[in-house]
Amino acid sequence: MADSDERDTLPPPPPEGRPTGPLADAHARDAAAQRAHLHKVADRVHRFRVAVFFEEPTYALWREQPVHEQRTTITVLAADADDAVALATARFREDAMQSNVGWVRMITRCEAHPVGPSEE
């Protein structure tokens, strides 16, 4: 009989695969807020192709060669060209740091161009 009383006081099991409780409710509110924010700013975010021009002066010195400008292209999502350059520059520096080479890569200039739907 105690088992019967105990079962009557337990909350119903959650729907299959869906968590319940205060944390689940907070997560659902956060996810809804994020979706609403993304819909609000979606028309302001564009894809840019950023050409990052750079030199490797210490490598050229080591190889006893003249310094040559090189280029890499990084595609980012940004609100405008200035933000695109900032994001691409940060990604370039992170990639340069992760490359573990012993020479310096100096950015000389950047050019950001919006990417149209037919170019994606």
N, C-alpha and C. Protein backbone atom coordinates (compact mmCIF):
# COMPACT_ATOMS: atom_id res chain seq x y z
N MET A 1 0.82 -1.18 0.00
CA MET A 1 0.00 0.00 0.00
C MET A 1 0.87 1.25 0.00
N ALA A 2 2.00 1.24 0.70
CA ALA A 2 2.89 2.40 0.73
C ALA A 2 3.40 2.71 -0.68
N ASP A 3 3.64 1.66 -1.47
CA ASP A 3 4.09 1.88 -2.84
C ASP A 3 3.05 2.64 -3.65
N SER A 4 1.79 2.34 -3.44
CA SER A 4 0.73 3.00 -4.17
C SER A 4 0.68 4.49 -3.81
N ASP A 5 0.78 4.81 -2.50
CA ASP A 5 0.76 6.22 -2.07
C ASP A 5 1.97 6.97 -2.63
N GLU A 6 3.11 6.31 -2.66
CA GLU A 6 4.34 6.94 -3.15
C GLU A 6 4.23 7.25 -4.63
N ARG A 7 3.65 6.33 -5.40
CA ARG A 7 3.51 6.55 -6.84
C ARG A 7 2.57 7.72 -7.13
N ASP A 8 1.58 7.91 -6.29
CA ASP A 8 0.63 8.99 -6.51
C ASP A 8 1.26 10.37 -6.31
N THR A 9 2.33 10.46 -5.51
CA THR A 9 2.95 11.76 -5.23
C THR A 9 4.10 12.08 -6.18
N LEU A 10 4.57 11.12 -6.97
CA LEU A 10 5.68 11.36 -7.90
C LEU A 10 5.18 12.18 -9.10
N PRO A 11 6.02 13.08 -9.61
CA PRO A 11 5.61 13.83 -10.80
C PRO A 11 5.53 12.89 -12.00
N PRO A 12 4.74 13.24 -12.98
CA PRO A 12 4.65 12.39 -14.16
C PRO A 12 6.00 12.36 -14.87
N PRO A 13 6.31 11.28 -15.57
CA PRO A 13 7.59 11.22 -16.29
C PRO A 13 7.61 12.27 -17.40
N PRO A 14 8.81 12.78 -17.72
CA PRO A 14 8.90 13.80 -18.78
C PRO A 14 8.57 13.19 -20.14
N PRO A 15 8.12 14.02 -21.07
CA PRO A 15 7.92 13.51 -22.43
C PRO A 15 9.23 12.93 -22.94
N GLU A 16 9.12 11.95 -23.77
CA GLU A 16 10.30 11.23 -24.27
C GLU A 16 11.33 12.19 -24.87
N GLY A 17 12.55 12.15 -24.33
CA GLY A 17 13.67 12.93 -24.86
C GLY A 17 13.65 14.41 -24.53
N ARG A 18 12.75 14.86 -23.69
CA ARG A 18 12.68 16.29 -23.37
C ARG A 18 12.87 16.49 -21.88
N PRO A 19 13.91 17.23 -21.46
CA PRO A 19 14.11 17.49 -20.04
C PRO A 19 13.05 18.45 -19.52
N THR A 20 12.81 18.36 -18.21
CA THR A 20 11.85 19.26 -17.59
C THR A 20 12.49 19.89 -16.37
N GLY A 21 11.80 20.86 -15.77
CA GLY A 21 12.28 21.48 -14.55
C GLY A 21 12.75 22.90 -14.81
N PRO A 22 13.19 23.56 -13.72
CA PRO A 22 13.59 24.97 -13.84
C PRO A 22 14.75 25.20 -14.81
N LEU A 23 15.75 24.30 -14.82
CA LEU A 23 16.88 24.49 -15.73
C LEU A 23 16.46 24.32 -17.18
N ALA A 24 15.58 23.36 -17.42
CA ALA A 24 15.10 23.15 -18.79
C ALA A 24 14.29 24.36 -19.24
N ASP A 25 13.49 24.91 -18.34
CA ASP A 25 12.71 26.11 -18.67
C ASP A 25 13.62 27.29 -18.99
N ALA A 26 14.67 27.47 -18.18
CA ALA A 26 15.62 28.57 -18.41
C ALA A 26 16.34 28.38 -19.75
N HIS A 27 16.72 27.14 -20.04
CA HIS A 27 17.39 26.85 -21.31
C HIS A 27 16.46 27.18 -22.48
N ALA A 28 15.20 26.79 -22.37
CA ALA A 28 14.24 27.06 -23.44
C ALA A 28 14.07 28.57 -23.64
N ARG A 29 14.03 29.33 -22.53
CA ARG A 29 13.91 30.79 -22.65
C ARG A 29 15.16 31.38 -23.30
N ASP A 30 16.34 30.89 -22.91
CA ASP A 30 17.58 31.38 -23.51
C ASP A 30 17.63 31.08 -25.00
N ALA A 31 17.25 29.86 -25.37
CA ALA A 31 17.27 29.47 -26.78
C ALA A 31 16.29 30.32 -27.58
N ALA A 32 15.12 30.59 -27.01
CA ALA A 32 14.13 31.43 -27.70
C ALA A 32 14.66 32.85 -27.86
N ALA A 33 15.33 33.37 -26.84
CA ALA A 33 15.89 34.72 -26.92
C ALA A 33 16.98 34.78 -27.98
N GLN A 34 17.82 33.75 -28.06
CA GLN A 34 18.87 33.73 -29.07
C GLN A 34 18.28 33.67 -30.47
N ARG A 35 17.24 32.85 -30.67
CA ARG A 35 16.59 32.78 -31.98
C ARG A 35 15.99 34.13 -32.35
N ALA A 36 15.34 34.78 -31.40
CA ALA A 36 14.73 36.09 -31.66
C ALA A 36 15.80 37.11 -32.03
N HIS A 37 16.94 37.09 -31.33
CA HIS A 37 18.03 38.02 -31.63
C HIS A 37 18.58 37.75 -33.03
N LEU A 38 18.79 36.48 -33.38
CA LEU A 38 19.32 36.16 -34.70
C LEU A 38 18.37 36.61 -35.80
N HIS A 39 17.07 36.44 -35.60
CA HIS A 39 16.11 36.90 -36.61
C HIS A 39 16.14 38.41 -36.73
N LYS A 40 16.36 39.10 -35.60
CA LYS A 40 16.38 40.56 -35.60
C LYS A 40 17.60 41.12 -36.35
N VAL A 41 18.75 40.45 -36.22
CA VAL A 41 19.98 40.97 -36.84
C VAL A 41 20.32 40.28 -38.16
N ALA A 42 19.54 39.28 -38.55
CA ALA A 42 19.88 38.51 -39.75
C ALA A 42 20.01 39.40 -40.99
N ASP A 43 19.19 40.43 -41.09
CA ASP A 43 19.27 41.29 -42.26
C ASP A 43 20.49 42.21 -42.24
N ARG A 44 21.17 42.28 -41.09
CA ARG A 44 22.36 43.13 -40.98
C ARG A 44 23.66 42.35 -41.09
N VAL A 45 23.59 41.02 -41.16
CA VAL A 45 24.79 40.19 -41.23
C VAL A 45 24.97 39.71 -42.67
N HIS A 46 26.18 39.88 -43.17
CA HIS A 46 26.48 39.52 -44.55
C HIS A 46 27.77 38.70 -44.60
N ARG A 47 27.92 37.96 -45.66
CA ARG A 47 29.15 37.18 -45.86
C ARG A 47 30.14 38.05 -46.62
N PHE A 48 31.36 38.11 -46.11
CA PHE A 48 32.43 38.88 -46.75
C PHE A 48 33.61 37.96 -47.04
N ARG A 49 34.26 38.22 -48.14
CA ARG A 49 35.52 37.56 -48.46
C ARG A 49 36.59 38.63 -48.24
N VAL A 50 37.49 38.36 -47.29
CA VAL A 50 38.51 39.34 -46.92
C VAL A 50 39.88 38.85 -47.41
N ALA A 51 40.51 39.65 -48.23
CA ALA A 51 41.88 39.37 -48.67
C ALA A 51 42.82 40.01 -47.66
N VAL A 52 43.63 39.18 -47.01
CA VAL A 52 44.60 39.67 -46.03
C VAL A 52 45.97 39.59 -46.69
N PHE A 53 46.58 40.75 -46.89
CA PHE A 53 47.91 40.83 -47.49
C PHE A 53 48.93 40.93 -46.36
N PHE A 54 50.01 40.17 -46.48
CA PHE A 54 50.99 40.14 -45.41
C PHE A 54 52.39 39.88 -45.95
N GLU A 55 53.36 40.16 -45.10
CA GLU A 55 54.76 39.90 -45.42
C GLU A 55 55.37 39.07 -44.30
N GLU A 56 56.43 38.36 -44.65
CA GLU A 56 57.19 37.58 -43.67
C GLU A 56 58.64 38.05 -43.71
N PRO A 57 58.94 39.21 -43.10
CA PRO A 57 60.28 39.80 -43.22
C PRO A 57 61.38 38.95 -42.59
N THR A 58 61.10 38.31 -41.48
CA THR A 58 62.16 37.51 -40.84
C THR A 58 62.46 36.26 -41.67
N TYR A 59 61.46 35.71 -42.34
CA TYR A 59 61.68 34.56 -43.22
C TYR A 59 62.54 34.99 -44.42
N ALA A 60 62.20 36.15 -44.99
CA ALA A 60 62.97 36.66 -46.13
C ALA A 60 64.42 36.92 -45.74
N LEU A 61 64.61 37.46 -44.54
CA LEU A 61 65.96 37.73 -44.05
C LEU A 61 66.73 36.41 -43.89
N TRP A 62 66.08 35.41 -43.33
CA TRP A 62 66.70 34.10 -43.12
C TRP A 62 67.07 33.45 -44.45
N ARG A 63 66.20 33.61 -45.46
CA ARG A 63 66.44 33.02 -46.78
C ARG A 63 67.28 33.94 -47.68
N GLU A 64 67.62 35.14 -47.16
CA GLU A 64 68.38 36.12 -47.92
C GLU A 64 67.69 36.46 -49.25
N GLN A 65 66.39 36.72 -49.13
CA GLN A 65 65.56 37.07 -50.28
C GLN A 65 64.86 38.39 -50.01
N PRO A 66 64.41 39.06 -51.05
CA PRO A 66 63.62 40.28 -50.81
C PRO A 66 62.27 39.91 -50.18
N VAL A 67 61.72 40.86 -49.47
CA VAL A 67 60.42 40.65 -48.84
C VAL A 67 59.34 40.75 -49.92
N HIS A 68 58.45 39.76 -49.96
CA HIS A 68 57.35 39.75 -50.93
C HIS A 68 56.02 39.77 -50.20
N GLU A 69 55.12 40.55 -50.74
CA GLU A 69 53.77 40.57 -50.18
C GLU A 69 53.03 39.30 -50.61
N GLN A 70 52.37 38.68 -49.65
CA GLN A 70 51.59 37.48 -49.91
C GLN A 70 50.14 37.75 -49.56
N ARG A 71 49.26 36.83 -49.93
CA ARG A 71 47.84 37.05 -49.67
C ARG A 71 47.17 35.73 -49.28
N THR A 72 46.25 35.83 -48.35
CA THR A 72 45.35 34.72 -48.04
C THR A 72 43.94 35.30 -48.01
N THR A 73 42.96 34.46 -48.24
CA THR A 73 41.57 34.91 -48.26
C THR A 73 40.80 34.21 -47.15
N ILE A 74 40.06 34.98 -46.39
CA ILE A 74 39.27 34.46 -45.26
C ILE A 74 37.84 34.92 -45.44
N THR A 75 36.89 34.01 -45.33
CA THR A 75 35.48 34.34 -45.45
C THR A 75 34.87 34.41 -44.06
N VAL A 76 34.14 35.50 -43.79
CA VAL A 76 33.54 35.72 -42.47
C VAL A 76 32.11 36.24 -42.63
N LEU A 77 31.34 36.13 -41.56
CA LEU A 77 30.02 36.75 -41.46
C LEU A 77 30.18 37.99 -40.60
N ALA A 78 29.72 39.14 -41.10
CA ALA A 78 29.89 40.39 -40.36
C ALA A 78 28.80 41.38 -40.76
N ALA A 79 28.64 42.40 -39.93
CA ALA A 79 27.64 43.43 -40.19
C ALA A 79 28.09 44.38 -41.31
N ASP A 80 29.39 44.65 -41.39
CA ASP A 80 29.90 45.55 -42.42
C ASP A 80 31.35 45.20 -42.72
N ALA A 81 31.93 45.91 -43.67
CA ALA A 81 33.30 45.62 -44.11
C ALA A 81 34.32 45.81 -42.99
N ASP A 82 34.14 46.84 -42.15
CA ASP A 82 35.08 47.07 -41.05
C ASP A 82 35.07 45.91 -40.06
N ASP A 83 33.87 45.42 -39.72
CA ASP A 83 33.78 44.26 -38.83
C ASP A 83 34.38 43.02 -39.49
N ALA A 84 34.17 42.88 -40.79
CA ALA A 84 34.72 41.74 -41.51
C ALA A 84 36.25 41.74 -41.46
N VAL A 85 36.85 42.92 -41.65
CA VAL A 85 38.31 43.03 -41.58
C VAL A 85 38.80 42.70 -40.18
N ALA A 86 38.10 43.19 -39.15
CA ALA A 86 38.50 42.91 -37.77
C ALA A 86 38.44 41.41 -37.48
N LEU A 87 37.36 40.75 -37.91
CA LEU A 87 37.23 39.31 -37.68
C LEU A 87 38.29 38.53 -38.46
N ALA A 88 38.50 38.89 -39.72
CA ALA A 88 39.49 38.19 -40.53
C ALA A 88 40.90 38.39 -39.99
N THR A 89 41.20 39.59 -39.53
CA THR A 89 42.51 39.87 -38.95
C THR A 89 42.74 39.03 -37.70
N ALA A 90 41.73 38.94 -36.85
CA ALA A 90 41.85 38.12 -35.65
C ALA A 90 42.06 36.65 -36.01
N ARG A 91 41.31 36.17 -37.00
CA ARG A 91 41.47 34.77 -37.42
C ARG A 91 42.85 34.54 -38.03
N PHE A 92 43.34 35.50 -38.83
CA PHE A 92 44.67 35.38 -39.43
C PHE A 92 45.74 35.28 -38.34
N ARG A 93 45.64 36.16 -37.34
CA ARG A 93 46.63 36.15 -36.25
C ARG A 93 46.57 34.84 -35.47
N GLU A 94 45.36 34.35 -35.22
CA GLU A 94 45.22 33.06 -34.51
C GLU A 94 45.85 31.93 -35.33
N ASP A 95 45.57 31.91 -36.63
CA ASP A 95 46.15 30.88 -37.50
C ASP A 95 47.67 30.99 -37.54
N ALA A 96 48.20 32.21 -37.59
CA ALA A 96 49.65 32.41 -37.61
C ALA A 96 50.27 31.91 -36.31
N MET A 97 49.60 32.18 -35.19
CA MET A 97 50.12 31.72 -33.91
C MET A 97 50.10 30.19 -33.83
N GLN A 98 49.06 29.58 -34.36
CA GLN A 98 48.93 28.12 -34.31
C GLN A 98 49.86 27.41 -35.29
N SER A 99 50.40 28.13 -36.26
CA SER A 99 51.25 27.50 -37.28
C SER A 99 52.60 27.06 -36.74
N ASN A 100 53.03 27.64 -35.61
CA ASN A 100 54.29 27.27 -34.96
C ASN A 100 55.52 27.51 -35.83
N VAL A 101 55.47 28.49 -36.72
CA VAL A 101 56.66 28.84 -37.49
C VAL A 101 57.47 29.84 -36.68
N GLY A 102 58.73 29.99 -37.01
CA GLY A 102 59.59 30.87 -36.24
C GLY A 102 59.69 32.28 -36.78
N TRP A 103 58.96 32.59 -37.82
CA TRP A 103 59.05 33.93 -38.37
C TRP A 103 57.76 34.71 -38.16
N VAL A 104 57.87 36.02 -38.32
CA VAL A 104 56.76 36.93 -38.07
C VAL A 104 55.96 37.13 -39.35
N ARG A 105 54.65 37.15 -39.22
CA ARG A 105 53.76 37.49 -40.34
C ARG A 105 53.15 38.85 -40.04
N MET A 106 53.48 39.83 -40.87
CA MET A 106 53.00 41.21 -40.67
C MET A 106 51.93 41.53 -41.70
N ILE A 107 50.75 41.92 -41.23
CA ILE A 107 49.67 42.31 -42.13
C ILE A 107 50.00 43.69 -42.70
N THR A 108 49.93 43.80 -44.02
CA THR A 108 50.20 45.08 -44.67
C THR A 108 48.91 45.81 -45.06
N ARG A 109 47.87 45.06 -45.41
CA ARG A 109 46.58 45.66 -45.75
C ARG A 109 45.53 44.56 -45.87
N CYS A 110 44.27 44.99 -45.88
CA CYS A 110 43.15 44.07 -46.04
C CYS A 110 42.13 44.68 -46.98
N GLU A 111 41.44 43.83 -47.73
CA GLU A 111 40.36 44.26 -48.61
C GLU A 111 39.17 43.35 -48.38
N ALA A 112 38.03 43.93 -48.02
CA ALA A 112 36.81 43.15 -47.77
C ALA A 112 35.81 43.38 -48.90
N HIS A 113 35.27 42.28 -49.41
CA HIS A 113 34.27 42.37 -50.47
C HIS A 113 33.08 41.50 -50.10
N PRO A 114 31.87 42.03 -50.21
CA PRO A 114 30.69 41.22 -49.92
C PRO A 114 30.57 40.07 -50.91
N VAL A 115 30.11 38.94 -50.43
CA VAL A 115 29.92 37.76 -51.26
C VAL A 115 28.43 37.66 -51.57
N GLY A 116 28.08 37.67 -52.83
CA GLY A 116 26.68 37.54 -53.23
C GLY A 116 26.21 36.10 -53.17
N PRO A 117 24.90 35.88 -53.22
CA PRO A 117 24.36 34.52 -53.14
C PRO A 117 24.89 33.60 -54.22
N SER A 118 25.16 34.12 -55.41
CA SER A 118 25.65 33.26 -56.49
C SER A 118 27.11 32.87 -56.30
N GLU A 119 27.83 33.56 -55.40
CA GLU A 119 29.26 33.29 -55.19
C GLU A 119 29.51 32.36 -54.02
N GLU A 120 28.47 32.01 -53.25
CA GLU A 120 28.67 31.21 -52.04
C GLU A 120 28.94 29.77 -52.35
